[in-house]
Amino acid sequence: MNNAVEVLNLTKTYGDVHALKEISFSVTKGELFGFIGPDGAGKTTLFRILATLILPDGGSALIEENDIVKDYRKIRQLIGYMPGRFSLYQDLSVEENLRFFATIFGTTIEENYDLVKEIYSQIEPFKTRKAGQLSGGMKQKLALSCALIHKPDVLLLDEPTTGVDAVSRQEFWEMLKRLKEQGITIVVSTPYMDEASLCDQVALIQDGAIMQISTPAKVIDSYPLGLYSVSTSDNYQLLLDLKQLPQVCSAFAYGQAAHLSYRKGEMTKEEVKLYLSKKGHQDVTITPIKPTIEDCFMELMQTSGQADK
């Protein structure tokens, strides 16, 4: 079997809220697989189920051919889990936290130091500092070190870069690439669309349902619409006016501009410019662009929303 993770029709509800709606996917051994979606999409619920912390209401999941319900004790030895919220002991030092987690799994820092050396060496000069006094980036490195110290086969990382500065985010993903090269399977979730391109495969998830699974390149190649980047002197009013155009499929803010999607062949940038000029917009700039993962996500959301009506 070449899959490290196999999930089939997994469901979870909380009262009237369907956190997961019969989702299915598989992760190949040694793959870096990303779940991309906003808060409330179901990512944390999924990761808690895979980490054997909560039970699903239906469906099944295997990690290294072990069932998450029947074989939960074995799975906890096979995985490293980094929850979205910093969950290490705030009053223990950096070294005490790492030694504690090593002891739980019947190992020592010294035995597996080579596995965490590249990450841990960056915070080792502060090993006597309490974990609660670390910066966001240092907390992130410590949490990853603790998740790795027992040499897991599969890493489950739930939004590991949320709330971390851009430099630390980049460093973290570089570390993940190097861990992947060591044969570790990595399943990671993130609300940051730009991180999708760093994964081997991505699952775009919203409202507990997976909208698409593919490589980042294929997700972008499947985008069916034309796309313009549009900016004017009044970008707030710009969005309102663009949404009034019948040829427009969607328009949303993207940095200092708006991304305008339209059905190919139905609208030229000259027509858009003329329309905006008549609406009183000045300094109009319109540029044809290639879609990003975020554009694809927004289009899929709109398509699935229409299908649900």
C-alpha atoms as a PDB file:
ATOM      1  CA  MET A   1       0.000   0.000   0.000  1.00  0.00           C
ATOM      2  CA  ASN A   2       1.452   3.339  -1.100  1.00  0.00           C
ATOM      3  CA  ASN A   3      -0.876   5.603   0.865  1.00  0.00           C
ATOM      4  CA  ALA A   4       0.007   6.924   4.304  1.00  0.00           C
ATOM      5  CA  VAL A   5      -3.508   8.301   4.893  1.00  0.00           C
ATOM      6  CA  GLU A   6      -6.822   6.955   3.548  1.00  0.00           C
ATOM      7  CA  VAL A   7     -10.076   8.736   4.356  1.00  0.00           C
ATOM      8  CA  LEU A   8     -13.488   7.580   3.114  1.00  0.00           C
ATOM      9  CA  ASN A   9     -16.808   9.412   3.598  1.00  0.00           C
ATOM     10  CA  LEU A  10     -15.765  10.963   6.901  1.00  0.00           C
ATOM     11  CA  THR A  11     -18.528  12.915   8.656  1.00  0.00           C
ATOM     12  CA  LYS A  12     -18.811  14.923  11.860  1.00  0.00           C
ATOM     13  CA  THR A  13     -21.668  17.042  13.178  1.00  0.00           C
ATOM     14  CA  TYR A  14     -22.055  19.332  16.157  1.00  0.00           C
ATOM     15  CA  GLY A  15     -25.785  19.745  16.672  1.00  0.00           C
ATOM     16  CA  ASP A  16     -27.091  21.324  13.471  1.00  0.00           C
ATOM     17  CA  VAL A  17     -23.597  22.140  12.191  1.00  0.00           C
ATOM     18  CA  HIS A  18     -22.130  19.706   9.652  1.00  0.00           C
ATOM     19  CA  ALA A  19     -18.421  20.162  10.311  1.00  0.00           C
ATOM     20  CA  LEU A  20     -17.427  17.439   7.820  1.00  0.00           C
ATOM     21  CA  LYS A  21     -19.671  16.222   5.000  1.00  0.00           C
ATOM     22  CA  GLU A  22     -18.606  12.770   3.788  1.00  0.00           C
ATOM     23  CA  ILE A  23     -15.112  13.816   2.754  1.00  0.00           C
ATOM     24  CA  SER A  24     -12.753  11.378   1.069  1.00  0.00           C
ATOM     25  CA  PHE A  25      -9.079  11.696   0.114  1.00  0.00           C
ATOM     26  CA  SER A  26      -5.782   9.848   0.213  1.00  0.00           C
ATOM     27  CA  VAL A  27      -2.220  10.982   0.892  1.00  0.00           C
ATOM     28  CA  THR A  28       0.694   9.172  -0.726  1.00  0.00           C
ATOM     29  CA  LYS A  29       3.629   8.240   1.498  1.00  0.00           C
ATOM     30  CA  GLY A  30       6.243  10.978   1.531  1.00  0.00           C
ATOM     31  CA  GLU A  31       3.818  13.565   0.157  1.00  0.00           C
ATOM     32  CA  LEU A  32       3.228  17.117   1.380  1.00  0.00           C
ATOM     33  CA  PHE A  33      -0.567  17.413   1.246  1.00  0.00           C
ATOM     34  CA  GLY A  34      -2.298  20.696   2.050  1.00  0.00           C
ATOM     35  CA  PHE A  35      -5.841  21.541   3.140  1.00  0.00           C
ATOM     36  CA  ILE A  36      -6.630  25.084   2.037  1.00  0.00           C
ATOM     37  CA  GLY A  37      -9.654  26.885   3.379  1.00  0.00           C
ATOM     38  CA  PRO A  38     -10.888  29.696   5.631  1.00  0.00           C
ATOM     39  CA  ASP A  39     -11.753  29.509   9.327  1.00  0.00           C
ATOM     40  CA  GLY A  40     -14.784  27.295   9.891  1.00  0.00           C
ATOM     41  CA  ALA A  41     -14.117  25.147   6.809  1.00  0.00           C
ATOM     42  CA  GLY A  42     -13.687  21.959   8.882  1.00  0.00           C
ATOM     43  CA  LYS A  43      -9.891  21.699   8.877  1.00  0.00           C
ATOM     44  CA  THR A  44      -9.387  21.509  12.648  1.00  0.00           C
ATOM     45  CA  THR A  45     -12.183  18.964  13.083  1.00  0.00           C
ATOM     46  CA  LEU A  46     -10.568  16.777  10.431  1.00  0.00           C
ATOM     47  CA  PHE A  47      -7.126  17.000  12.025  1.00  0.00           C
ATOM     48  CA  ARG A  48      -8.480  16.193  15.491  1.00  0.00           C
ATOM     49  CA  ILE A  49     -10.147  13.087  14.087  1.00  0.00           C
ATOM     50  CA  LEU A  50      -6.953  11.995  12.312  1.00  0.00           C
ATOM     51  CA  ALA A  51      -5.013  12.591  15.527  1.00  0.00           C
ATOM     52  CA  THR A  52      -7.508  10.281  17.344  1.00  0.00           C
ATOM     53  CA  LEU A  53      -8.612  13.083  19.675  1.00  0.00           C
ATOM     54  CA  ILE A  54     -12.285  12.984  18.660  1.00  0.00           C
ATOM     55  CA  LEU A  55     -14.430  10.312  17.020  1.00  0.00           C
ATOM     56  CA  PRO A  56     -16.111  10.721  13.629  1.00  0.00           C
ATOM     57  CA  ASP A  57     -19.871  10.226  13.315  1.00  0.00           C
ATOM     58  CA  GLY A  58     -19.460   8.229  10.124  1.00  0.00           C
ATOM     59  CA  GLY A  59     -16.974   7.046   7.542  1.00  0.00           C
ATOM     60  CA  SER A  60     -13.501   5.692   8.136  1.00  0.00           C
ATOM     61  CA  ALA A  61      -9.860   6.712   8.131  1.00  0.00           C
ATOM     62  CA  LEU A  62      -6.608   4.783   8.082  1.00  0.00           C
ATOM     63  CA  ILE A  63      -3.128   6.042   8.942  1.00  0.00           C
ATOM     64  CA  GLU A  64      -0.370   3.690   7.817  1.00  0.00           C
ATOM     65  CA  GLU A  65      -3.109   1.025   7.444  1.00  0.00           C
ATOM     66  CA  ASN A  66      -4.247   1.493  11.065  1.00  0.00           C
ATOM     67  CA  ASP A  67      -7.861   2.394  11.812  1.00  0.00           C
ATOM     68  CA  ILE A  68      -8.232   5.658  13.704  1.00  0.00           C
ATOM     69  CA  VAL A  69     -10.830   4.160  16.049  1.00  0.00           C
ATOM     70  CA  LYS A  70      -9.681   0.570  16.615  1.00  0.00           C
ATOM     71  CA  ASP A  71      -5.947   1.234  16.443  1.00  0.00           C
ATOM     72  CA  TYR A  72      -5.777   4.658  18.070  1.00  0.00           C
ATOM     73  CA  ARG A  73      -2.991   3.698  20.496  1.00  0.00           C
ATOM     74  CA  LYS A  74      -0.708   2.597  17.677  1.00  0.00           C
ATOM     75  CA  ILE A  75      -1.565   5.654  15.579  1.00  0.00           C
ATOM     76  CA  ARG A  76      -0.514   7.977  18.400  1.00  0.00           C
ATOM     77  CA  GLN A  77       2.952   6.435  18.190  1.00  0.00           C
ATOM     78  CA  LEU A  78       3.055   6.869  14.408  1.00  0.00           C
ATOM     79  CA  ILE A  79       2.020  10.513  14.135  1.00  0.00           C
ATOM     80  CA  GLY A  80       3.353  13.881  15.183  1.00  0.00           C
ATOM     81  CA  TYR A  81       0.546  16.362  15.819  1.00  0.00           C
ATOM     82  CA  MET A  82       0.875  20.124  15.988  1.00  0.00           C
ATOM     83  CA  PRO A  83      -2.476  21.748  16.835  1.00  0.00           C
ATOM     84  CA  GLY A  84      -3.405  25.204  15.642  1.00  0.00           C
ATOM     85  CA  ARG A  85      -3.306  26.661  19.140  1.00  0.00           C
ATOM     86  CA  PHE A  86       0.055  26.607  20.937  1.00  0.00           C
ATOM     87  CA  SER A  87      -0.465  23.762  23.390  1.00  0.00           C
ATOM     88  CA  LEU A  88       2.918  23.225  25.025  1.00  0.00           C
ATOM     89  CA  TYR A  89       3.514  23.862  28.710  1.00  0.00           C
ATOM     90  CA  GLN A  90       3.971  27.617  29.063  1.00  0.00           C
ATOM     91  CA  ASP A  91       5.711  27.376  32.460  1.00  0.00           C
ATOM     92  CA  LEU A  92       8.247  24.790  31.319  1.00  0.00           C
ATOM     93  CA  SER A  93      11.424  25.830  29.555  1.00  0.00           C
ATOM     94  CA  VAL A  94      12.149  25.077  25.912  1.00  0.00           C
ATOM     95  CA  GLU A  95      14.348  22.125  26.838  1.00  0.00           C
ATOM     96  CA  GLU A  96      11.941  20.830  29.485  1.00  0.00           C
ATOM     97  CA  ASN A  97       9.091  20.758  26.976  1.00  0.00           C
ATOM     98  CA  LEU A  98      11.125  18.838  24.424  1.00  0.00           C
ATOM     99  CA  ARG A  99      12.451  16.395  27.028  1.00  0.00           C
ATOM    100  CA  PHE A 100       8.909  15.856  28.351  1.00  0.00           C
ATOM    101  CA  PHE A 101       7.533  14.919  24.929  1.00  0.00           C
ATOM    102  CA  ALA A 102      10.523  12.673  24.219  1.00  0.00           C
ATOM    103  CA  THR A 103       9.906  10.843  27.509  1.00  0.00           C
ATOM    104  CA  ILE A 104       6.203  10.320  26.715  1.00  0.00           C
ATOM    105  CA  PHE A 105       7.189   8.463  23.551  1.00  0.00           C
ATOM    106  CA  GLY A 106       9.906   6.437  25.262  1.00  0.00           C
ATOM    107  CA  THR A 107      12.859   8.212  23.692  1.00  0.00           C
ATOM    108  CA  THR A 108      15.308  10.996  24.512  1.00  0.00           C
ATOM    109  CA  ILE A 109      16.446  14.252  22.944  1.00  0.00           C
ATOM    110  CA  GLU A 110      19.908  12.759  22.498  1.00  0.00           C
ATOM    111  CA  GLU A 111      18.609   9.675  20.667  1.00  0.00           C
ATOM    112  CA  ASN A 112      16.687  11.620  18.018  1.00  0.00           C
ATOM    113  CA  TYR A 113      18.609  14.903  18.096  1.00  0.00           C
ATOM    114  CA  ASP A 114      19.672  14.564  14.443  1.00  0.00           C
ATOM    115  CA  LEU A 115      16.014  14.581  13.380  1.00  0.00           C
ATOM    116  CA  VAL A 116      15.222  17.901  15.089  1.00  0.00           C
ATOM    117  CA  LYS A 117      18.706  19.436  15.019  1.00  0.00           C
ATOM    118  CA  GLU A 118      18.086  21.808  12.099  1.00  0.00           C
ATOM    119  CA  ILE A 119      14.945  23.206  13.745  1.00  0.00           C
ATOM    120  CA  TYR A 120      15.842  22.933  17.414  1.00  0.00           C
ATOM    121  CA  SER A 121      19.322  24.408  16.973  1.00  0.00           C
ATOM    122  CA  GLN A 122      17.671  27.740  16.120  1.00  0.00           C
ATOM    123  CA  ILE A 123      15.999  27.920  19.545  1.00  0.00           C
ATOM    124  CA  GLU A 124      18.550  25.929  21.570  1.00  0.00           C
ATOM    125  CA  PRO A 125      20.369  29.114  22.678  1.00  0.00           C
ATOM    126  CA  PHE A 126      17.109  29.935  24.527  1.00  0.00           C
ATOM    127  CA  LYS A 127      16.595  26.439  25.954  1.00  0.00           C
ATOM    128  CA  THR A 128      16.243  27.729  29.527  1.00  0.00           C
ATOM    129  CA  ARG A 129      13.579  30.298  28.560  1.00  0.00           C
ATOM    130  CA  LYS A 130       9.969  29.468  29.442  1.00  0.00           C
ATOM    131  CA  ALA A 131       7.872  28.509  26.430  1.00  0.00           C
ATOM    132  CA  GLY A 132       5.285  31.172  27.263  1.00  0.00           C
ATOM    133  CA  GLN A 133       7.927  33.878  26.802  1.00  0.00           C
ATOM    134  CA  LEU A 134       8.894  32.869  23.259  1.00  0.00           C
ATOM    135  CA  SER A 135       8.006  34.802  20.115  1.00  0.00           C
ATOM    136  CA  GLY A 136       5.479  33.348  17.683  1.00  0.00           C
ATOM    137  CA  GLY A 137       8.143  32.006  15.341  1.00  0.00           C
ATOM    138  CA  MET A 138      10.126  30.409  18.180  1.00  0.00           C
ATOM    139  CA  LYS A 139       6.976  28.802  19.621  1.00  0.00           C
ATOM    140  CA  GLN A 140       6.313  27.373  16.192  1.00  0.00           C
ATOM    141  CA  LYS A 141       9.795  25.823  15.982  1.00  0.00           C
ATOM    142  CA  LEU A 142       9.501  24.383  19.484  1.00  0.00           C
ATOM    143  CA  ALA A 143       6.092  22.862  18.744  1.00  0.00           C
ATOM    144  CA  LEU A 144       7.421  21.281  15.553  1.00  0.00           C
ATOM    145  CA  SER A 145      10.447  19.915  17.412  1.00  0.00           C
ATOM    146  CA  CYS A 146       8.156  18.334  20.020  1.00  0.00           C
ATOM    147  CA  ALA A 147       5.997  16.807  17.261  1.00  0.00           C
ATOM    148  CA  LEU A 148       9.103  15.317  15.601  1.00  0.00           C
ATOM    149  CA  ILE A 149      11.132  14.117  18.572  1.00  0.00           C
ATOM    150  CA  HIS A 150       9.778  10.530  18.450  1.00  0.00           C
ATOM    151  CA  LYS A 151      10.465  10.180  14.698  1.00  0.00           C
ATOM    152  CA  PRO A 152       6.857   9.969  13.420  1.00  0.00           C
ATOM    153  CA  ASP A 153       5.854   8.533  10.042  1.00  0.00           C
ATOM    154  CA  VAL A 154       3.138  11.146   9.516  1.00  0.00           C
ATOM    155  CA  LEU A 155       3.083  14.802  10.582  1.00  0.00           C
ATOM    156  CA  LEU A 156      -0.311  16.470  11.117  1.00  0.00           C
ATOM    157  CA  LEU A 157       0.095  20.251  11.233  1.00  0.00           C
ATOM    158  CA  ASP A 158      -3.078  22.256  11.817  1.00  0.00           C
ATOM    159  CA  GLU A 159      -2.600  25.856  10.638  1.00  0.00           C
ATOM    160  CA  PRO A 160       1.021  25.967  11.856  1.00  0.00           C
ATOM    161  CA  THR A 161       1.763  29.405  10.371  1.00  0.00           C
ATOM    162  CA  THR A 162      -1.331  31.298  11.529  1.00  0.00           C
ATOM    163  CA  GLY A 163      -0.378  34.488  13.340  1.00  0.00           C
ATOM    164  CA  VAL A 164       3.311  34.144  12.479  1.00  0.00           C
ATOM    165  CA  ASP A 165       5.310  36.822  10.650  1.00  0.00           C
ATOM    166  CA  ALA A 166       6.078  36.445   6.945  1.00  0.00           C
ATOM    167  CA  VAL A 167       9.758  35.569   7.442  1.00  0.00           C
ATOM    168  CA  SER A 168       8.954  32.832   9.964  1.00  0.00           C
ATOM    169  CA  ARG A 169       6.264  31.488   7.636  1.00  0.00           C
ATOM    170  CA  GLN A 170       8.791  31.162   4.822  1.00  0.00           C
ATOM    171  CA  GLU A 171      11.363  29.510   7.102  1.00  0.00           C
ATOM    172  CA  PHE A 172       8.742  27.064   8.334  1.00  0.00           C
ATOM    173  CA  TRP A 173       7.801  25.910   4.834  1.00  0.00           C
ATOM    174  CA  GLU A 174      11.462  25.489   3.944  1.00  0.00           C
ATOM    175  CA  MET A 175      11.776  23.228   6.991  1.00  0.00           C
ATOM    176  CA  LEU A 176       8.757  21.198   5.842  1.00  0.00           C
ATOM    177  CA  LYS A 177      10.357  20.650   2.435  1.00  0.00           C
ATOM    178  CA  ARG A 178      13.495  19.285   4.077  1.00  0.00           C
ATOM    179  CA  LEU A 179      11.449  17.011   6.353  1.00  0.00           C
ATOM    180  CA  LYS A 180       9.608  15.704   3.295  1.00  0.00           C
ATOM    181  CA  GLU A 181      12.976  14.847   1.732  1.00  0.00           C
ATOM    182  CA  GLN A 182      13.571  12.577   4.742  1.00  0.00           C
ATOM    183  CA  GLY A 183      10.504  10.538   3.778  1.00  0.00           C
ATOM    184  CA  ILE A 184       8.073  11.961   6.343  1.00  0.00           C
ATOM    185  CA  THR A 185       4.476  12.304   5.130  1.00  0.00           C
ATOM    186  CA  ILE A 186       3.143  15.766   5.946  1.00  0.00           C
ATOM    187  CA  VAL A 187      -0.518  16.797   6.080  1.00  0.00           C
ATOM    188  CA  VAL A 188      -0.879  20.508   6.725  1.00  0.00           C
ATOM    189  CA  SER A 189      -3.785  22.948   6.826  1.00  0.00           C
ATOM    190  CA  THR A 190      -3.669  26.675   6.215  1.00  0.00           C
ATOM    191  CA  PRO A 191      -6.013  29.600   5.557  1.00  0.00           C
ATOM    192  CA  TYR A 192      -3.259  31.268   3.496  1.00  0.00           C
ATOM    193  CA  MET A 193      -3.935  30.667  -0.184  1.00  0.00           C
ATOM    194  CA  ASP A 194      -0.366  31.562  -1.183  1.00  0.00           C
ATOM    195  CA  GLU A 195       0.940  28.547   0.760  1.00  0.00           C
ATOM    196  CA  ALA A 196      -0.999  26.169  -1.494  1.00  0.00           C
ATOM    197  CA  SER A 197       1.671  26.360  -4.198  1.00  0.00           C
ATOM    198  CA  LEU A 198       4.198  24.883  -1.751  1.00  0.00           C
ATOM    199  CA  CYS A 199       2.291  21.571  -1.486  1.00  0.00           C
ATOM    200  CA  ASP A 200       2.470  18.510  -3.733  1.00  0.00           C
ATOM    201  CA  GLN A 201      -1.318  18.253  -3.686  1.00  0.00           C
ATOM    202  CA  VAL A 202      -4.026  20.456  -2.218  1.00  0.00           C
ATOM    203  CA  ALA A 203      -7.608  19.956  -1.143  1.00  0.00           C
ATOM    204  CA  LEU A 204      -9.730  23.098  -1.293  1.00  0.00           C
ATOM    205  CA  ILE A 205     -12.226  22.814   1.568  1.00  0.00           C
ATOM    206  CA  GLN A 206     -15.207  24.978   2.525  1.00  0.00           C
ATOM    207  CA  ASP A 207     -18.181  24.371   4.852  1.00  0.00           C
ATOM    208  CA  GLY A 208     -17.031  20.839   5.636  1.00  0.00           C
ATOM    209  CA  ALA A 209     -16.869  19.747   1.991  1.00  0.00           C
ATOM    210  CA  ILE A 210     -13.903  19.258  -0.327  1.00  0.00           C
ATOM    211  CA  MET A 211     -14.440  21.251  -3.518  1.00  0.00           C
ATOM    212  CA  GLN A 212     -11.366  20.058  -5.427  1.00  0.00           C
ATOM    213  CA  ILE A 213      -8.251  17.914  -4.953  1.00  0.00           C
ATOM    214  CA  SER A 214      -5.322  18.221  -7.332  1.00  0.00           C
ATOM    215  CA  THR A 215      -1.831  19.602  -7.718  1.00  0.00           C
ATOM    216  CA  PRO A 216      -1.614  23.404  -7.363  1.00  0.00           C
ATOM    217  CA  ALA A 217      -0.714  23.702 -11.060  1.00  0.00           C
ATOM    218  CA  LYS A 218      -3.721  21.651 -12.176  1.00  0.00           C
ATOM    219  CA  VAL A 219      -6.058  23.614  -9.910  1.00  0.00           C
ATOM    220  CA  ILE A 220      -4.930  26.818 -11.620  1.00  0.00           C
ATOM    221  CA  ASP A 221      -5.049  25.270 -15.113  1.00  0.00           C
ATOM    222  CA  SER A 222      -8.666  24.210 -14.537  1.00  0.00           C
ATOM    223  CA  TYR A 223      -9.810  27.794 -13.942  1.00  0.00           C
ATOM    224  CA  PRO A 224     -12.554  28.280 -16.570  1.00  0.00           C
ATOM    225  CA  LEU A 225     -12.919  32.071 -16.646  1.00  0.00           C
ATOM    226  CA  GLY A 226     -11.127  35.149 -17.936  1.00  0.00           C
ATOM    227  CA  LEU A 227      -9.523  37.346 -15.304  1.00  0.00           C
ATOM    228  CA  TYR A 228      -8.584  41.022 -15.012  1.00  0.00           C
ATOM    229  CA  SER A 229      -6.815  42.958 -12.283  1.00  0.00           C
ATOM    230  CA  VAL A 230      -8.637  46.292 -12.022  1.00  0.00           C
ATOM    231  CA  SER A 231      -7.777  49.381  -9.993  1.00  0.00           C
ATOM    232  CA  THR A 232      -9.116  52.946  -9.888  1.00  0.00           C
ATOM    233  CA  SER A 233      -8.915  55.943  -7.604  1.00  0.00           C
ATOM    234  CA  ASP A 234     -11.882  54.556  -5.594  1.00  0.00           C
ATOM    235  CA  ASN A 235     -11.449  50.831  -5.081  1.00  0.00           C
ATOM    236  CA  TYR A 236     -14.362  50.516  -2.663  1.00  0.00           C
ATOM    237  CA  GLN A 237     -16.863  51.897  -5.159  1.00  0.00           C
ATOM    238  CA  LEU A 238     -15.083  49.917  -7.858  1.00  0.00           C
ATOM    239  CA  LEU A 239     -16.208  46.596  -6.373  1.00  0.00           C
ATOM    240  CA  LEU A 240     -19.792  47.778  -6.098  1.00  0.00           C
ATOM    241  CA  ASP A 241     -19.845  48.954  -9.716  1.00  0.00           C
ATOM    242  CA  LEU A 242     -18.134  45.875 -11.137  1.00  0.00           C
ATOM    243  CA  LYS A 243     -20.681  43.582  -9.542  1.00  0.00           C
ATOM    244  CA  GLN A 244     -23.431  45.393 -11.478  1.00  0.00           C
ATOM    245  CA  LEU A 245     -22.009  44.259 -14.821  1.00  0.00           C
ATOM    246  CA  PRO A 246     -24.055  41.270 -16.098  1.00  0.00           C
ATOM    247  CA  GLN A 247     -20.974  39.658 -17.692  1.00  0.00           C
ATOM    248  CA  VAL A 248     -19.104  39.606 -14.372  1.00  0.00           C
ATOM    249  CA  CYS A 249     -18.969  36.258 -12.581  1.00  0.00           C
ATOM    250  CA  SER A 250     -17.236  37.616  -9.481  1.00  0.00           C
ATOM    251  CA  ALA A 251     -15.285  40.603  -8.226  1.00  0.00           C
ATOM    252  CA  PHE A 252     -13.346  40.719  -4.988  1.00  0.00           C
ATOM    253  CA  ALA A 253     -10.597  42.791  -3.411  1.00  0.00           C
ATOM    254  CA  TYR A 254      -7.062  41.534  -3.930  1.00  0.00           C
ATOM    255  CA  GLY A 255      -4.442  43.753  -2.329  1.00  0.00           C
ATOM    256  CA  GLN A 256      -4.742  47.256  -3.786  1.00  0.00           C
ATOM    257  CA  ALA A 257      -6.821  46.088  -6.762  1.00  0.00           C
ATOM    258  CA  ALA A 258      -9.883  44.026  -7.623  1.00  0.00           C
ATOM    259  CA  HIS A 259      -9.869  40.664  -9.361  1.00  0.00           C
ATOM    260  CA  LEU A 260     -12.652  40.552 -11.928  1.00  0.00           C
ATOM    261  CA  SER A 261     -13.647  37.192 -13.435  1.00  0.00           C
ATOM    262  CA  TYR A 262     -15.828  36.892 -16.518  1.00  0.00           C
ATOM    263  CA  ARG A 263     -16.909  34.324 -19.052  1.00  0.00           C
ATOM    264  CA  LYS A 264     -14.283  34.197 -21.789  1.00  0.00           C
ATOM    265  CA  GLY A 265     -15.195  35.988 -24.985  1.00  0.00           C
ATOM    266  CA  GLU A 266     -17.999  38.004 -23.409  1.00  0.00           C
ATOM    267  CA  MET A 267     -16.107  41.100 -22.297  1.00  0.00           C
ATOM    268  CA  THR A 268     -13.034  43.084 -23.323  1.00  0.00           C
ATOM    269  CA  LYS A 269     -10.975  45.323 -21.082  1.00  0.00           C
ATOM    270  CA  GLU A 270     -11.925  48.285 -23.295  1.00  0.00           C
ATOM    271  CA  GLU A 271     -15.590  47.640 -22.477  1.00  0.00           C
ATOM    272  CA  VAL A 272     -14.796  47.482 -18.767  1.00  0.00           C
ATOM    273  CA  LYS A 273     -12.791  50.701 -18.945  1.00  0.00           C
ATOM    274  CA  LEU A 274     -15.578  52.518 -20.811  1.00  0.00           C
ATOM    275  CA  TYR A 275     -18.150  51.311 -18.286  1.00  0.00           C
ATOM    276  CA  LEU A 276     -16.050  52.470 -15.309  1.00  0.00           C
ATOM    277  CA  SER A 277     -15.355  55.847 -16.929  1.00  0.00           C
ATOM    278  CA  LYS A 278     -19.099  56.376 -17.318  1.00  0.00           C
ATOM    279  CA  LYS A 279     -19.441  55.544 -13.611  1.00  0.00           C
ATOM    280  CA  GLY A 280     -17.029  58.384 -12.817  1.00  0.00           C
ATOM    281  CA  HIS A 281     -13.928  56.335 -12.045  1.00  0.00           C
ATOM    282  CA  GLN A 282     -10.545  57.896 -12.713  1.00  0.00           C
ATOM    283  CA  ASP A 283      -7.038  56.430 -13.095  1.00  0.00           C
ATOM    284  CA  VAL A 284      -8.505  53.172 -14.372  1.00  0.00           C
ATOM    285  CA  THR A 285      -5.956  50.364 -14.854  1.00  0.00           C
ATOM    286  CA  ILE A 286      -7.012  46.996 -16.272  1.00  0.00           C
ATOM    287  CA  THR A 287      -4.565  44.137 -16.779  1.00  0.00           C
ATOM    288  CA  PRO A 288      -5.264  40.560 -17.944  1.00  0.00           C
ATOM    289  CA  ILE A 289      -3.747  38.175 -15.365  1.00  0.00           C
ATOM    290  CA  LYS A 290      -3.317  34.482 -14.641  1.00  0.00           C
ATOM    291  CA  PRO A 291      -5.426  33.089 -11.782  1.00  0.00           C
ATOM    292  CA  THR A 292      -4.089  32.341  -8.316  1.00  0.00           C
ATOM    293  CA  ILE A 293      -5.271  29.575  -5.995  1.00  0.00           C
ATOM    294  CA  GLU A 294      -7.415  32.207  -4.286  1.00  0.00           C
ATOM    295  CA  ASP A 295      -9.162  33.010  -7.583  1.00  0.00           C
ATOM    296  CA  CYS A 296      -9.830  29.305  -8.095  1.00  0.00           C
ATOM    297  CA  PHE A 297     -11.144  28.973  -4.546  1.00  0.00           C
ATOM    298  CA  MET A 298     -13.514  31.922  -4.980  1.00  0.00           C
ATOM    299  CA  GLU A 299     -14.820  30.533  -8.271  1.00  0.00           C
ATOM    300  CA  LEU A 300     -15.400  27.092  -6.757  1.00  0.00           C
ATOM    301  CA  MET A 301     -17.201  28.645  -3.792  1.00  0.00           C
ATOM    302  CA  GLN A 302     -19.521  30.515  -6.114  1.00  0.00           C
ATOM    303  CA  THR A 303     -20.152  27.432  -8.244  1.00  0.00           C
ATOM    304  CA  SER A 304     -20.886  25.219  -5.247  1.00  0.00           C
ATOM    305  CA  GLY A 305     -23.094  27.942  -3.749  1.00  0.00           C
ATOM    306  CA  GLN A 306     -25.199  28.055  -6.898  1.00  0.00           C
ATOM    307  CA  ALA A 307     -25.432  24.261  -6.976  1.00  0.00           C
ATOM    308  CA  ASP A 308     -26.775  24.223  -3.407  1.00  0.00           C
ATOM    309  CA  LYS A 309     -29.630  26.574  -4.247  1.00  0.00           C
END
